[in-house]
Amino acid sequence: CQFCEAVGARPLVCVSLSDGPESAADLARYCNGDAASEWGAKRAANGHPSPYHVRYWQVGNEIAGDRPDYLAQIGNFIRLIKQADPEAALMSSYPAQQLLDVAGKDLAFICPHEYTRDLAKIDSSLRKVSQMIDTTPGCGHLKIAVTEWNVSGGEWGLTRGRQMTLETALFNARHLNMMMRHCDKVEIACRSNMANSFCGATFETNPAGILKRPTHYVMELYTRHARPLPLKVVSGRDGLDVFACGSPDKKSVTLFTVNAGSEPVEIRLASEGFESPLRIIAAETVRDALDARQLDVMNHWVAPDRVTRVKLNTSQDSVVLPALSATAIECEQRR
């Protein structure tokens, strides 16, 4: 929680199913209670008088939503955590129709995990969960929180090492595009993991410093350039994965474009449907600085910037996307 305060993030706490609902409620009181309350006083005695304001509470980790013991207990978890903090947003473990039938009306999120390189499978899964939400009475308010996602969670050896590569960074960019296409339902998505994690993290540490993996730069690219309004892309180039998002005033647009091919691609901007034509004002890409066009290149302590984020040259209506790259193209309406 203190780390979240330091970096401006919102904490999400996953409580143990086996520890029971009373323990979960006590933890909510500890995190969010006033310093004069029983559990808030314990937090204050441990050095943090002000509440942590934890809003997101997930019940259980990777437990099937149709498991009988989960269905039998989820109601008590919701009731007691809400008693401890009425503002708490309750999150399930894995989704299931039985879970929505039993507790969907009282939950805020249902939480699949996605560990795969099969983007079509992810799309199908999100569509299925969305349909479940839309067709279950009393559940129209529910959102999806993908509380863990990456290309894999369990590989080992050489395939585990592939998570440090440019290839995985491009998969992660396409995964982000996929989830943003479902942003009517997907409200939270937490990439696994952040630090170290046997090749799977966005950066690695040692006593000498921090090494940023290719995926770090992809996550940074999306953080720097994302806009709040999703837009529909009605045409595009074969082989490119494109997502568009706009500003609330409808004057600025970002195109996130992944070129997973081994050759550069020039794209030209079309902006039908806007009050005035768009022009490209800047583009930033994550790519191999040596342009070796090899999927398995990675950053290491001797060459920490082999894959990094760089500016691209653009014209008002075109830009060349490097081979094996993820790019954010900034556009605005011409005056």
Protein backbone atom coordinates (compact mmCIF):
# COMPACT_ATOMS: atom_id res chain seq x y z
CA CYS A 1 0.00 0.00 0.00
CA GLN A 2 2.85 2.40 0.77
CA PHE A 3 4.43 1.58 -2.58
CA CYS A 4 1.12 2.41 -4.28
CA GLU A 5 1.07 5.74 -2.45
CA ALA A 6 4.61 6.46 -3.62
CA VAL A 7 3.92 5.82 -7.31
CA GLY A 8 0.32 7.05 -7.52
CA ALA A 9 -1.26 3.62 -8.07
CA ARG A 10 -4.39 2.14 -6.56
CA PRO A 11 -3.91 -0.95 -4.37
CA LEU A 12 -5.83 -4.15 -5.08
CA VAL A 13 -5.81 -6.75 -2.31
CA CYS A 14 -6.56 -10.42 -2.90
CA VAL A 15 -7.87 -12.05 0.30
CA SER A 16 -7.49 -15.73 1.11
CA LEU A 17 -10.57 -17.90 0.76
CA SER A 18 -9.22 -20.41 3.29
CA ASP A 19 -8.61 -17.72 5.94
CA GLY A 20 -12.32 -16.96 5.91
CA PRO A 21 -14.51 -13.85 5.62
CA GLU A 22 -13.88 -12.56 9.16
CA SER A 23 -10.16 -12.36 8.46
CA ALA A 24 -10.86 -10.51 5.20
CA ALA A 25 -13.12 -8.03 6.97
CA ASP A 26 -10.49 -7.42 9.65
CA LEU A 27 -7.95 -6.71 6.92
CA ALA A 28 -10.35 -4.20 5.34
CA ARG A 29 -10.75 -2.52 8.74
CA TYR A 30 -6.97 -2.49 9.18
CA CYS A 31 -6.38 -0.87 5.77
CA ASN A 32 -9.26 1.58 5.74
CA GLY A 33 -10.44 2.16 9.30
CA ASP A 34 -10.05 5.41 11.21
CA ALA A 35 -6.99 5.53 13.47
CA ALA A 36 -9.34 5.61 16.48
CA SER A 37 -10.96 2.27 15.51
CA GLU A 38 -9.69 -1.07 16.79
CA TRP A 39 -7.96 -2.15 13.57
CA GLY A 40 -7.12 1.37 12.41
CA ALA A 41 -5.28 1.86 15.70
CA LYS A 42 -3.17 -1.23 14.92
CA ARG A 43 -2.27 0.27 11.55
CA ALA A 44 -1.42 3.59 13.19
CA ALA A 45 0.76 1.78 15.73
CA ASN A 46 2.59 0.21 12.79
CA GLY A 47 3.45 3.65 11.47
CA HIS A 48 0.63 4.70 9.15
CA PRO A 49 -2.06 6.76 10.96
CA SER A 50 -4.03 7.66 7.82
CA PRO A 51 -6.09 4.97 6.04
CA TYR A 52 -4.74 3.28 2.94
CA HIS A 53 -8.08 3.68 1.10
CA VAL A 54 -8.03 0.24 -0.49
CA ARG A 55 -11.11 0.03 -2.69
CA TYR A 56 -10.53 -3.18 -4.66
CA TRP A 57 -10.89 -6.51 -2.84
CA GLN A 58 -10.60 -9.79 -4.74
CA VAL A 59 -11.89 -12.91 -3.02
CA GLY A 60 -9.59 -15.85 -3.70
CA ASN A 61 -6.90 -16.40 -6.32
CA GLU A 62 -7.46 -18.61 -9.38
CA ILE A 63 -10.40 -20.49 -7.88
CA ALA A 64 -13.04 -21.71 -10.30
CA GLY A 65 -16.19 -19.63 -10.02
CA ASP A 66 -18.36 -22.75 -10.05
CA ARG A 67 -16.51 -24.54 -7.22
CA PRO A 68 -19.07 -25.45 -4.52
CA ASP A 69 -17.02 -24.21 -1.54
CA TYR A 70 -16.40 -20.90 -3.31
CA LEU A 71 -20.08 -20.42 -4.10
CA ALA A 72 -20.95 -21.28 -0.50
CA GLN A 73 -18.62 -18.65 0.97
CA ILE A 74 -18.60 -15.73 -1.49
CA GLY A 75 -21.78 -14.20 -0.04
CA ASN A 76 -20.29 -13.97 3.47
CA PHE A 77 -17.10 -12.39 2.12
CA ILE A 78 -19.12 -9.75 0.29
CA ARG A 79 -21.36 -9.04 3.30
CA LEU A 80 -18.60 -8.76 5.91
CA ILE A 81 -16.16 -6.75 3.78
CA LYS A 82 -18.98 -4.36 2.89
CA GLN A 83 -19.83 -4.02 6.57
CA ALA A 84 -16.19 -3.15 7.26
CA ASP A 85 -16.10 -0.67 4.37
CA PRO A 86 -19.30 0.18 2.47
CA GLU A 87 -17.20 1.72 -0.35
CA ALA A 88 -15.36 -1.55 -1.06
CA ALA A 89 -15.54 -2.89 -4.62
CA LEU A 90 -15.76 -6.69 -4.43
CA MET A 91 -14.07 -8.81 -7.07
CA SER A 92 -14.51 -12.51 -7.74
CA SER A 93 -11.94 -15.08 -8.70
CA TYR A 94 -12.53 -16.79 -12.08
CA PRO A 95 -15.93 -16.11 -13.73
CA ALA A 96 -18.69 -18.70 -14.09
CA GLN A 97 -22.41 -18.58 -14.73
CA GLN A 98 -23.13 -20.10 -11.31
CA LEU A 99 -21.10 -17.34 -9.67
CA LEU A 100 -23.13 -14.62 -11.41
CA ASP A 101 -26.36 -16.35 -10.46
CA VAL A 102 -25.38 -16.53 -6.79
CA ALA A 103 -23.46 -13.28 -6.22
CA GLY A 104 -23.25 -11.25 -9.41
CA LYS A 105 -25.60 -8.52 -8.24
CA ASP A 106 -23.34 -7.78 -5.24
CA LEU A 107 -19.97 -7.94 -7.02
CA ALA A 108 -18.29 -5.09 -8.89
CA PHE A 109 -15.88 -7.15 -11.01
CA ILE A 110 -15.31 -10.69 -12.22
CA CYS A 111 -11.67 -11.55 -12.75
CA PRO A 112 -10.29 -13.91 -15.39
CA HIS A 113 -6.57 -14.45 -15.83
CA GLU A 114 -5.11 -14.62 -19.35
CA TYR A 115 -1.78 -16.37 -19.91
CA THR A 116 -1.53 -17.21 -23.60
CA ARG A 117 -0.11 -16.09 -26.94
CA ASP A 118 -3.42 -17.04 -28.59
CA LEU A 119 -5.09 -13.65 -29.05
CA ALA A 120 -8.14 -15.16 -30.74
CA LYS A 121 -8.69 -17.26 -27.63
CA ILE A 122 -8.51 -14.14 -25.44
CA ASP A 123 -11.00 -12.35 -27.66
CA SER A 124 -13.39 -15.31 -27.52
CA SER A 125 -13.07 -15.56 -23.74
CA LEU A 126 -13.80 -11.86 -23.21
CA ARG A 127 -16.80 -12.04 -25.53
CA LYS A 128 -18.14 -15.04 -23.62
CA VAL A 129 -17.77 -13.35 -20.23
CA SER A 130 -19.32 -10.13 -21.59
CA GLN A 131 -22.31 -12.06 -22.92
CA MET A 132 -22.67 -13.76 -19.54
CA ILE A 133 -22.81 -10.35 -17.87
CA ASP A 134 -25.32 -8.96 -20.37
CA THR A 135 -27.69 -11.92 -20.16
CA THR A 136 -27.73 -12.52 -16.38
CA PRO A 137 -30.45 -10.51 -14.59
CA GLY A 138 -29.10 -7.95 -12.13
CA CYS A 139 -25.53 -8.15 -13.47
CA GLY A 140 -25.47 -5.38 -16.07
CA HIS A 141 -23.28 -3.25 -13.79
CA LEU A 142 -20.47 -5.81 -13.66
CA LYS A 143 -17.08 -5.06 -15.18
CA ILE A 144 -14.15 -7.34 -16.01
CA ALA A 145 -10.81 -7.04 -14.22
CA VAL A 146 -8.08 -9.16 -15.81
CA THR A 147 -6.07 -9.26 -12.61
CA GLU A 148 -3.23 -11.24 -14.21
CA TRP A 149 -2.15 -11.38 -17.85
CA ASN A 150 0.94 -12.20 -19.90
CA VAL A 151 2.01 -14.61 -22.64
CA SER A 152 2.54 -17.38 -20.09
CA GLY A 153 2.61 -18.01 -16.37
CA GLY A 154 4.20 -21.42 -16.17
CA GLU A 155 6.80 -21.99 -18.88
CA TRP A 156 10.36 -22.81 -17.89
CA GLY A 157 13.78 -23.03 -19.46
CA LEU A 158 14.30 -21.42 -22.86
CA THR A 159 10.60 -20.71 -23.40
CA ARG A 160 10.50 -18.88 -20.08
CA GLY A 161 13.46 -16.81 -21.24
CA ARG A 162 11.48 -15.76 -24.32
CA GLN A 163 9.45 -13.51 -22.04
CA MET A 164 12.41 -11.12 -21.97
CA THR A 165 12.37 -10.65 -25.76
CA LEU A 166 11.05 -8.17 -28.29
CA GLU A 167 8.62 -10.88 -29.42
CA THR A 168 6.88 -10.90 -26.04
CA ALA A 169 6.80 -7.10 -25.97
CA LEU A 170 4.91 -7.15 -29.28
CA PHE A 171 2.53 -9.83 -27.98
CA ASN A 172 1.91 -7.67 -24.92
CA ALA A 173 1.14 -4.67 -27.14
CA ARG A 174 -1.36 -6.70 -29.16
CA HIS A 175 -2.85 -8.00 -25.91
CA LEU A 176 -3.34 -4.40 -24.75
CA ASN A 177 -5.04 -3.57 -28.06
CA MET A 178 -7.30 -6.58 -27.59
CA MET A 179 -8.36 -5.60 -24.10
CA MET A 180 -8.93 -2.00 -25.12
CA ARG A 181 -11.30 -3.21 -27.85
CA HIS A 182 -13.31 -4.70 -24.97
CA CYS A 183 -13.08 -1.59 -22.78
CA ASP A 184 -16.87 -1.38 -22.47
CA LYS A 185 -16.38 -4.26 -20.02
CA VAL A 186 -12.64 -4.51 -19.24
CA GLU A 187 -11.91 -1.77 -16.72
CA ILE A 188 -8.81 -3.13 -14.96
CA ALA A 189 -5.91 -5.20 -16.34
CA CYS A 190 -2.78 -6.02 -14.35
CA ARG A 191 0.22 -7.34 -16.26
CA SER A 192 2.10 -10.09 -14.45
CA ASN A 193 4.70 -9.33 -13.25
CA MET A 194 6.40 -6.05 -12.52
CA ALA A 195 9.87 -6.87 -11.13
CA ASN A 196 12.27 -9.81 -11.66
CA SER A 197 9.94 -12.88 -11.66
CA PHE A 198 12.22 -15.29 -13.54
CA CYS A 199 12.20 -13.42 -16.88
CA GLY A 200 8.49 -12.54 -16.84
CA ALA A 201 8.67 -9.01 -15.44
CA THR A 202 8.90 -5.58 -17.04
CA PHE A 203 12.21 -4.83 -15.35
CA GLU A 204 14.99 -6.63 -13.51
CA THR A 205 17.02 -5.42 -10.56
CA ASN A 206 20.44 -6.14 -9.11
CA PRO A 207 22.69 -4.20 -6.71
CA ALA A 208 23.96 -2.13 -9.65
CA GLY A 209 20.62 -0.82 -10.82
CA ILE A 210 17.54 -1.50 -12.96
CA LEU A 211 17.36 -3.20 -16.37
CA LYS A 212 14.25 -2.35 -18.38
CA ARG A 213 12.92 -5.21 -20.47
CA PRO A 214 11.36 -4.61 -23.93
CA THR A 215 7.88 -4.93 -22.44
CA HIS A 216 8.66 -2.09 -20.02
CA TYR A 217 8.90 0.23 -23.00
CA VAL A 218 5.64 -1.06 -24.47
CA MET A 219 3.80 -0.47 -21.18
CA GLU A 220 5.38 2.98 -20.97
CA LEU A 221 4.35 3.73 -24.57
CA TYR A 222 0.71 2.97 -23.84
CA THR A 223 0.80 4.88 -20.56
CA ARG A 224 2.22 7.98 -22.24
CA HIS A 225 -0.13 8.06 -25.21
CA ALA A 226 -3.46 6.44 -24.26
CA ARG A 227 -6.61 8.58 -24.50
CA PRO A 228 -9.93 7.87 -22.77
CA LEU A 229 -12.37 7.46 -25.70
CA PRO A 230 -12.18 4.26 -27.80
CA LEU A 231 -12.67 4.70 -31.54
CA LYS A 232 -13.58 2.19 -34.23
CA VAL A 233 -11.00 1.52 -36.93
CA VAL A 234 -12.95 0.68 -40.10
CA SER A 235 -10.02 0.03 -42.44
CA GLY A 236 -6.37 -0.80 -42.09
CA ARG A 237 -3.36 -2.56 -43.57
CA ASP A 238 -3.08 -6.33 -43.59
CA GLY A 239 -0.62 -7.58 -41.01
CA LEU A 240 -1.02 -4.58 -38.70
CA ASP A 241 -2.81 -4.60 -35.35
CA VAL A 242 -4.37 -1.15 -34.85
CA PHE A 243 -6.35 0.41 -32.01
CA ALA A 244 -7.49 4.04 -31.94
CA CYS A 245 -8.50 6.25 -29.02
CA GLY A 246 -9.44 9.90 -28.78
CA SER A 247 -9.54 12.88 -26.44
CA PRO A 248 -12.81 14.03 -24.81
CA ASP A 249 -12.86 17.19 -26.96
CA LYS A 250 -12.69 14.99 -30.10
CA LYS A 251 -9.73 16.95 -31.46
CA SER A 252 -6.87 14.51 -30.79
CA VAL A 253 -6.41 10.84 -31.62
CA THR A 254 -3.78 8.20 -30.85
CA LEU A 255 -3.28 5.19 -33.10
CA PHE A 256 -1.55 2.25 -31.41
CA THR A 257 -0.13 0.14 -34.23
CA VAL A 258 1.79 -3.13 -33.94
CA ASN A 259 3.82 -4.26 -36.94
CA ALA A 260 4.73 -7.88 -36.18
CA GLY A 261 6.19 -8.36 -39.66
CA SER A 262 9.83 -8.46 -40.70
CA GLU A 263 9.55 -5.49 -43.09
CA PRO A 264 8.76 -1.80 -42.51
CA VAL A 265 5.25 -0.67 -43.47
CA GLU A 266 4.16 2.79 -44.56
CA ILE A 267 0.67 3.78 -43.47
CA ARG A 268 -1.40 6.76 -44.54
CA LEU A 269 -3.96 8.44 -42.38
CA ALA A 270 -7.62 8.57 -43.38
CA SER A 271 -10.02 10.44 -41.12
CA GLU A 272 -13.51 10.12 -42.49
CA GLY A 273 -16.11 10.87 -39.85
CA PHE A 274 -14.22 13.75 -38.25
CA GLU A 275 -15.37 17.36 -38.56
CA SER A 276 -12.02 18.28 -40.10
CA PRO A 277 -9.17 16.10 -41.42
CA LEU A 278 -6.57 14.72 -39.05
CA ARG A 279 -2.85 15.28 -39.34
CA ILE A 280 -0.02 13.34 -37.76
CA ILE A 281 1.95 15.46 -35.30
CA ALA A 282 4.29 12.87 -33.76
CA ALA A 283 5.03 9.15 -33.56
CA GLU A 284 6.96 7.14 -31.01
CA THR A 285 7.90 3.49 -31.39
CA VAL A 286 9.38 0.57 -29.44
CA ARG A 287 11.86 -1.24 -31.66
CA ASP A 288 15.26 -2.92 -31.92
CA ALA A 289 17.80 -0.11 -32.13
CA LEU A 290 19.98 -2.24 -34.45
CA ASP A 291 17.05 -3.26 -36.68
CA ALA A 292 18.27 -6.87 -36.80
CA ARG A 293 14.67 -8.01 -37.41
CA GLN A 294 14.98 -10.89 -34.97
CA LEU A 295 12.18 -11.66 -32.54
CA ASP A 296 14.46 -12.95 -29.80
CA VAL A 297 16.54 -9.77 -29.27
CA MET A 298 16.47 -8.49 -25.69
CA ASN A 299 18.02 -5.95 -23.37
CA HIS A 300 20.82 -7.03 -21.04
CA TRP A 301 23.18 -5.38 -18.61
CA VAL A 302 25.86 -4.76 -21.26
CA ALA A 303 23.37 -3.41 -23.82
CA PRO A 304 20.42 -2.10 -21.78
CA ASP A 305 18.93 -0.04 -24.62
CA ARG A 306 18.97 -2.60 -27.43
CA VAL A 307 15.17 -2.41 -27.47
CA THR A 308 13.93 1.02 -26.52
CA ARG A 309 11.46 3.81 -27.27
CA VAL A 310 12.41 6.25 -30.07
CA LYS A 311 10.80 9.06 -32.10
CA LEU A 312 9.88 8.48 -35.75
CA ASN A 313 9.96 10.90 -38.65
CA THR A 314 6.47 11.66 -39.97
CA SER A 315 4.64 13.70 -42.56
CA GLN A 316 1.18 15.15 -41.99
CA ASP A 317 -0.56 12.02 -43.28
CA SER A 318 1.98 9.18 -43.32
CA VAL A 319 4.57 7.37 -41.24
CA VAL A 320 6.77 4.34 -41.81
CA LEU A 321 6.42 1.74 -39.08
CA PRO A 322 9.68 -0.15 -38.42
CA ALA A 323 9.76 -3.91 -38.68
CA LEU A 324 8.86 -5.67 -35.44
CA SER A 325 7.62 -2.56 -33.66
CA ALA A 326 4.84 -1.15 -31.49
CA THR A 327 4.06 2.49 -32.30
CA ALA A 328 1.91 5.29 -30.90
CA ILE A 329 0.93 7.81 -33.59
CA GLU A 330 -0.36 11.15 -32.30
CA CYS A 331 -2.87 12.98 -34.52
CA GLU A 332 -4.92 16.14 -34.24
CA GLN A 333 -7.51 17.94 -36.34
CA ARG A 334 -6.11 20.34 -38.88
CA ARG A 335 -6.97 23.96 -38.25
